[in-house]
């Protein structure tokens, strides 16, 4: 693979940057001569469950432990 390009940003610069780094490691060797390929990659990000009303972080996203 000679280059990776983001056609539509995720809206999260760090995710875009990490995606480019990961996809740059992919290897595709088509038979014959080199060719351009567009491959849509879909990310689905799930929100954490809502906190009970009245909890200190209700209405805000909480950190997800690693």
PDB file of N, CA and C in Angstrom:
ATOM      1  N   UNK A   1       0.855  -1.154   0.000  1.00  0.00           N
ATOM      2  CA  UNK A   1       0.000   0.000   0.000  1.00  0.00           C
ATOM      3  C   UNK A   1       0.908   1.226   0.000  1.00  0.00           C
ATOM      4  N   UNK A   2       0.632   2.153  -0.884  1.00  0.00           N
ATOM      5  CA  UNK A   2       1.505   3.320  -0.979  1.00  0.00           C
ATOM      6  C   UNK A   2       0.979   4.525  -0.224  1.00  0.00           C
ATOM      7  N   UNK A   3      -0.336   4.617  -0.028  1.00  0.00           N
ATOM      8  CA  UNK A   3      -0.867   5.763   0.714  1.00  0.00           C
ATOM      9  C   UNK A   3      -2.239   5.437   1.290  1.00  0.00           C
ATOM     10  N   UNK A   4      -2.573   6.153   2.352  1.00  0.00           N
ATOM     11  CA  UNK A   4      -3.880   6.036   2.994  1.00  0.00           C
ATOM     12  C   UNK A   4      -4.446   7.436   3.086  1.00  0.00           C
ATOM     13  N   UNK A   5      -5.708   7.573   2.756  1.00  0.00           N
ATOM     14  CA  UNK A   5      -6.351   8.887   2.766  1.00  0.00           C
ATOM     15  C   UNK A   5      -7.709   8.769   3.445  1.00  0.00           C
ATOM     16  N   UNK A   6      -8.017   9.730   4.306  1.00  0.00           N
ATOM     17  CA  UNK A   6      -9.336   9.776   4.929  1.00  0.00           C
ATOM     18  C   UNK A   6     -10.221  10.648   4.061  1.00  0.00           C
ATOM     19  N   UNK A   7     -11.318  10.078   3.601  1.00  0.00           N
ATOM     20  CA  UNK A   7     -12.261  10.811   2.757  1.00  0.00           C
ATOM     21  C   UNK A   7     -13.229  11.603   3.624  1.00  0.00           C
ATOM     22  N   UNK A   8     -13.651  11.016   4.741  1.00  0.00           N
ATOM     23  CA  UNK A   8     -14.554  11.706   5.665  1.00  0.00           C
ATOM     24  C   UNK A   8     -14.034  11.481   7.081  1.00  0.00           C
ATOM     25  N   UNK A   9     -13.747  12.566   7.776  1.00  0.00           N
ATOM     26  CA  UNK A   9     -13.222  12.491   9.133  1.00  0.00           C
ATOM     27  C   UNK A   9     -14.246  11.891  10.087  1.00  0.00           C
ATOM     28  N   UNK A  10     -13.744  11.268  11.134  1.00  0.00           N
ATOM     29  CA  UNK A  10     -14.616  10.765  12.193  1.00  0.00           C
ATOM     30  C   UNK A  10     -15.097  11.906  13.078  1.00  0.00           C
ATOM     31  N   UNK A  11     -14.416  13.035  12.971  1.00  0.00           N
ATOM     32  CA  UNK A  11     -14.711  14.152  13.867  1.00  0.00           C
ATOM     33  C   UNK A  11     -13.798  14.141  15.084  1.00  0.00           C
ATOM     34  N   UNK A  12     -12.976  13.106  15.186  1.00  0.00           N
ATOM     35  CA  UNK A  12     -12.033  12.970  16.291  1.00  0.00           C
ATOM     36  C   UNK A  12     -10.626  12.878  15.694  1.00  0.00           C
ATOM     37  N   UNK A  13      -9.853  13.970  15.733  1.00  0.00           N
ATOM     38  CA  UNK A  13      -8.529  13.976  15.098  1.00  0.00           C
ATOM     39  C   UNK A  13      -7.615  12.830  15.537  1.00  0.00           C
ATOM     40  N   UNK A  14      -7.638  12.474  16.810  1.00  0.00           N
ATOM     41  CA  UNK A  14      -6.772  11.388  17.275  1.00  0.00           C
ATOM     42  C   UNK A  14      -7.199  10.039  16.686  1.00  0.00           C
ATOM     43  N   UNK A  15      -8.497   9.825  16.541  1.00  0.00           N
ATOM     44  CA  UNK A  15      -8.981   8.584  15.929  1.00  0.00           C
ATOM     45  C   UNK A  15      -8.605   8.546  14.453  1.00  0.00           C
ATOM     46  N   UNK A  16      -8.736   9.678  13.770  1.00  0.00           N
ATOM     47  CA  UNK A  16      -8.324   9.750  12.362  1.00  0.00           C
ATOM     48  C   UNK A  16      -6.843   9.411  12.228  1.00  0.00           C
ATOM     49  N   UNK A  17      -6.027  10.013  13.080  1.00  0.00           N
ATOM     50  CA  UNK A  17      -4.575   9.797  13.035  1.00  0.00           C
ATOM     51  C   UNK A  17      -4.236   8.326  13.312  1.00  0.00           C
ATOM     52  N   UNK A  18      -4.876   7.750  14.326  1.00  0.00           N
ATOM     53  CA  UNK A  18      -4.635   6.341  14.655  1.00  0.00           C
ATOM     54  C   UNK A  18      -5.101   5.416  13.538  1.00  0.00           C
ATOM     55  N   UNK A  19      -6.193   5.782  12.891  1.00  0.00           N
ATOM     56  CA  UNK A  19      -6.714   4.977  11.779  1.00  0.00           C
ATOM     57  C   UNK A  19      -5.724   4.951  10.628  1.00  0.00           C
ATOM     58  N   UNK A  20      -5.186   6.109  10.289  1.00  0.00           N
ATOM     59  CA  UNK A  20      -4.195   6.183   9.208  1.00  0.00           C
ATOM     60  C   UNK A  20      -2.987   5.323   9.554  1.00  0.00           C
ATOM     61  N   UNK A  21      -2.519   5.413  10.796  1.00  0.00           N
ATOM     62  CA  UNK A  21      -1.355   4.621  11.212  1.00  0.00           C
ATOM     63  C   UNK A  21      -1.647   3.126  11.097  1.00  0.00           C
ATOM     64  N   UNK A  22      -2.836   2.705  11.526  1.00  0.00           N
ATOM     65  CA  UNK A  22      -3.188   1.277  11.470  1.00  0.00           C
ATOM     66  C   UNK A  22      -3.351   0.802  10.032  1.00  0.00           C
ATOM     67  N   UNK A  23      -4.073   1.556   9.219  1.00  0.00           N
ATOM     68  CA  UNK A  23      -4.325   1.129   7.844  1.00  0.00           C
ATOM     69  C   UNK A  23      -3.066   1.187   6.991  1.00  0.00           C
ATOM     70  N   UNK A  24      -2.108   2.012   7.365  1.00  0.00           N
ATOM     71  CA  UNK A  24      -0.843   2.078   6.628  1.00  0.00           C
ATOM     72  C   UNK A  24      -0.058   0.776   6.756  1.00  0.00           C
ATOM     73  N   UNK A  25      -0.364  -0.005   7.774  1.00  0.00           N
ATOM     74  CA  UNK A  25       0.331  -1.281   7.986  1.00  0.00           C
ATOM     75  C   UNK A  25      -0.296  -2.422   7.184  1.00  0.00           C
ATOM     76  N   UNK A  26      -1.492  -2.190   6.655  1.00  0.00           N
ATOM     77  CA  UNK A  26      -2.145  -3.219   5.847  1.00  0.00           C
ATOM     78  C   UNK A  26      -1.313  -3.487   4.602  1.00  0.00           C
ATOM     79  N   UNK A  27      -1.332  -4.708   4.103  1.00  0.00           N
ATOM     80  CA  UNK A  27      -0.623  -5.064   2.881  1.00  0.00           C
ATOM     81  C   UNK A  27      -1.616  -5.693   1.912  1.00  0.00           C
ATOM     82  N   UNK A  28      -1.619  -5.174   0.709  1.00  0.00           N
ATOM     83  CA  UNK A  28      -2.497  -5.682  -0.340  1.00  0.00           C
ATOM     84  C   UNK A  28      -1.660  -5.831  -1.594  1.00  0.00           C
ATOM     85  N   UNK A  29      -1.556  -7.030  -2.097  1.00  0.00           N
ATOM     86  CA  UNK A  29      -0.755  -7.297  -3.287  1.00  0.00           C
ATOM     87  C   UNK A  29      -1.655  -7.882  -4.372  1.00  0.00           C
ATOM     88  N   UNK A  30      -2.264  -7.009  -5.181  1.00  0.00           N
ATOM     89  CA  UNK A  30      -3.129  -7.516  -6.247  1.00  0.00           C
ATOM     90  C   UNK A  30      -2.291  -8.176  -7.334  1.00  0.00           C
ATOM     91  N   UNK A  31      -2.840  -9.179  -8.004  1.00  0.00           N
ATOM     92  CA  UNK A  31      -2.101  -9.774  -9.115  1.00  0.00           C
ATOM     93  C   UNK A  31      -1.999  -8.764 -10.256  1.00  0.00           C
ATOM     94  N   UNK A  32      -0.874  -8.755 -10.915  1.00  0.00           N
ATOM     95  CA  UNK A  32      -0.705  -7.817 -12.031  1.00  0.00           C
ATOM     96  C   UNK A  32      -0.116  -6.500 -11.566  1.00  0.00           C
ATOM     97  N   UNK A  33      -0.592  -5.437 -12.154  1.00  0.00           N
ATOM     98  CA  UNK A  33      -0.021  -4.121 -11.852  1.00  0.00           C
ATOM     99  C   UNK A  33      -0.734  -3.465 -10.662  1.00  0.00           C
ATOM    100  N   UNK A  34      -0.045  -2.511 -10.003  1.00  0.00           N
ATOM    101  CA  UNK A  34      -0.670  -1.790  -8.883  1.00  0.00           C
ATOM    102  C   UNK A  34      -1.953  -1.082  -9.328  1.00  0.00           C
ATOM    103  N   UNK A  35      -2.886  -0.975  -8.425  1.00  0.00           N
ATOM    104  CA  UNK A  35      -4.163  -0.348  -8.737  1.00  0.00           C
ATOM    105  C   UNK A  35      -4.658   0.455  -7.542  1.00  0.00           C
ATOM    106  N   UNK A  36      -5.538   1.421  -7.800  1.00  0.00           N
ATOM    107  CA  UNK A  36      -6.143   2.185  -6.710  1.00  0.00           C
ATOM    108  C   UNK A  36      -7.318   1.396  -6.161  1.00  0.00           C
ATOM    109  N   UNK A  37      -7.519   1.508  -4.872  1.00  0.00           N
ATOM    110  CA  UNK A  37      -8.604   0.792  -4.220  1.00  0.00           C
ATOM    111  C   UNK A  37      -9.224   1.698  -3.171  1.00  0.00           C
ATOM    112  N   UNK A  38     -10.536   1.813  -3.196  1.00  0.00           N
ATOM    113  CA  UNK A  38     -11.254   2.527  -2.140  1.00  0.00           C
ATOM    114  C   UNK A  38     -11.947   1.476  -1.296  1.00  0.00           C
ATOM    115  N   UNK A  39     -11.676   1.504   0.001  1.00  0.00           N
ATOM    116  CA  UNK A  39     -12.271   0.526   0.900  1.00  0.00           C
ATOM    117  C   UNK A  39     -12.927   1.263   2.060  1.00  0.00           C
ATOM    118  N   UNK A  40     -14.256   1.322   2.074  1.00  0.00           N
ATOM    119  CA  UNK A  40     -14.923   1.996   3.187  1.00  0.00           C
ATOM    120  C   UNK A  40     -14.724   1.223   4.492  1.00  0.00           C
ATOM    121  N   UNK A  41     -14.376   1.935   5.530  1.00  0.00           N
ATOM    122  CA  UNK A  41     -14.232   1.365   6.863  1.00  0.00           C
ATOM    123  C   UNK A  41     -15.212   2.109   7.759  1.00  0.00           C
ATOM    124  N   UNK A  42     -16.080   1.393   8.428  1.00  0.00           N
ATOM    125  CA  UNK A  42     -17.086   2.017   9.284  1.00  0.00           C
ATOM    126  C   UNK A  42     -16.743   1.787  10.748  1.00  0.00           C
ATOM    127  N   UNK A  43     -16.694   2.879  11.504  1.00  0.00           N
ATOM    128  CA  UNK A  43     -16.496   2.807  12.949  1.00  0.00           C
ATOM    129  C   UNK A  43     -17.830   3.065  13.621  1.00  0.00           C
ATOM    130  N   UNK A  44     -18.156   2.269  14.605  1.00  0.00           N
ATOM    131  CA  UNK A  44     -19.347   2.509  15.405  1.00  0.00           C
ATOM    132  C   UNK A  44     -18.902   2.652  16.853  1.00  0.00           C
ATOM    133  N   UNK A  45     -19.155   3.812  17.402  1.00  0.00           N
ATOM    134  CA  UNK A  45     -18.765   4.073  18.785  1.00  0.00           C
ATOM    135  C   UNK A  45     -20.024   4.068  19.646  1.00  0.00           C
ATOM    136  N   UNK A  46     -20.010   3.245  20.677  1.00  0.00           N
ATOM    137  CA  UNK A  46     -21.156   3.165  21.570  1.00  0.00           C
ATOM    138  C   UNK A  46     -20.931   4.074  22.774  1.00  0.00           C
ATOM    139  N   UNK A  47     -21.993   4.719  23.177  1.00  0.00           N
ATOM    140  CA  UNK A  47     -21.916   5.560  24.373  1.00  0.00           C
ATOM    141  C   UNK A  47     -22.023   4.674  25.609  1.00  0.00           C
ATOM    142  N   UNK A  48     -21.360   5.088  26.706  1.00  0.00           N
ATOM    143  CA  UNK A  48     -21.507   4.318  27.939  1.00  0.00           C
ATOM    144  C   UNK A  48     -22.937   4.442  28.456  1.00  0.00           C
ATOM    145  N   UNK A  49     -23.397   3.496  29.274  1.00  0.00           N
ATOM    146  CA  UNK A  49     -24.763   3.582  29.795  1.00  0.00           C
ATOM    147  C   UNK A  49     -24.951   4.849  30.619  1.00  0.00           C
ATOM    148  N   UNK A  50     -26.165   5.351  30.622  1.00  0.00           N
ATOM    149  CA  UNK A  50     -26.472   6.565  31.381  1.00  0.00           C
ATOM    150  C   UNK A  50     -26.320   6.298  32.873  1.00  0.00           C
ATOM    151  N   UNK A  51     -25.845   7.308  33.586  1.00  0.00           N
ATOM    152  CA  UNK A  51     -25.726   7.210  35.038  1.00  0.00           C
ATOM    153  C   UNK A  51     -27.061   7.573  35.675  1.00  0.00           C
ATOM    154  N   UNK A  52     -27.320   7.071  36.855  1.00  0.00           N
ATOM    155  CA  UNK A  52     -28.566   7.428  37.529  1.00  0.00           C
ATOM    156  C   UNK A  52     -28.644   8.932  37.776  1.00  0.00           C
ATOM    157  N   UNK A  53     -29.853   9.477  37.690  1.00  0.00           N
ATOM    158  CA  UNK A  53     -30.051  10.902  37.962  1.00  0.00           C
ATOM    159  C   UNK A  53     -29.558  11.214  39.367  1.00  0.00           C
ATOM    160  N   UNK A  54     -28.903  12.353  39.503  1.00  0.00           N
ATOM    161  CA  UNK A  54     -28.404  12.768  40.809  1.00  0.00           C
ATOM    162  C   UNK A  54     -26.981  12.330  41.085  1.00  0.00           C
ATOM    163  N   UNK A  55     -26.428  11.445  40.270  1.00  0.00           N
ATOM    164  CA  UNK A  55     -25.035  11.056  40.487  1.00  0.00           C
ATOM    165  C   UNK A  55     -24.138  12.204  40.037  1.00  0.00           C
ATOM    166  N   UNK A  56     -22.937  12.305  40.599  1.00  0.00           N
ATOM    167  CA  UNK A  56     -22.070  13.461  40.306  1.00  0.00           C
ATOM    168  C   UNK A  56     -21.791  13.686  38.823  1.00  0.00           C
ATOM    169  N   UNK A  57     -21.764  12.632  38.028  1.00  0.00           N
ATOM    170  CA  UNK A  57     -21.434  12.791  36.614  1.00  0.00           C
ATOM    171  C   UNK A  57     -22.639  12.627  35.698  1.00  0.00           C
ATOM    172  N   UNK A  58     -23.858  12.589  36.243  1.00  0.00           N
ATOM    173  CA  UNK A  58     -25.014  12.428  35.361  1.00  0.00           C
ATOM    174  C   UNK A  58     -25.079  13.608  34.407  1.00  0.00           C
ATOM    175  N   UNK A  59     -25.393  13.332  33.157  1.00  0.00           N
ATOM    176  CA  UNK A  59     -25.422  14.379  32.137  1.00  0.00           C
ATOM    177  C   UNK A  59     -24.073  14.603  31.482  1.00  0.00           C
ATOM    178  N   UNK A  60     -23.032  13.941  31.950  1.00  0.00           N
ATOM    179  CA  UNK A  60     -21.694  14.072  31.362  1.00  0.00           C
ATOM    180  C   UNK A  60     -21.163  12.672  31.093  1.00  0.00           C
ATOM    181  N   UNK A  61     -20.245  12.574  30.169  1.00  0.00           N
ATOM    182  CA  UNK A  61     -19.623  11.278  29.913  1.00  0.00           C
ATOM    183  C   UNK A  61     -18.612  11.004  31.002  1.00  0.00           C
ATOM    184  N   UNK A  62     -18.553   9.767  31.423  1.00  0.00           N
ATOM    185  CA  UNK A  62     -17.579   9.386  32.432  1.00  0.00           C
ATOM    186  C   UNK A  62     -16.433   8.653  31.754  1.00  0.00           C
ATOM    187  N   UNK A  63     -15.299   8.637  32.417  1.00  0.00           N
ATOM    188  CA  UNK A  63     -14.137   7.935  31.883  1.00  0.00           C
ATOM    189  C   UNK A  63     -14.387   6.436  31.943  1.00  0.00           C
ATOM    190  N   UNK A  64     -13.958   5.741  30.923  1.00  0.00           N
ATOM    191  CA  UNK A  64     -14.078   4.290  30.887  1.00  0.00           C
ATOM    192  C   UNK A  64     -12.725   3.714  31.277  1.00  0.00           C
ATOM    193  N   UNK A  65     -12.669   2.911  32.342  1.00  0.00           N
ATOM    194  CA  UNK A  65     -11.380   2.363  32.770  1.00  0.00           C
ATOM    195  C   UNK A  65     -10.752   1.510  31.678  1.00  0.00           C
ATOM    196  N   UNK A  66      -9.448   1.564  31.593  1.00  0.00           N
ATOM    197  CA  UNK A  66      -8.724   0.781  30.583  1.00  0.00           C
ATOM    198  C   UNK A  66      -8.463  -0.612  31.066  1.00  0.00           C
TER     199      UNK A  66
END
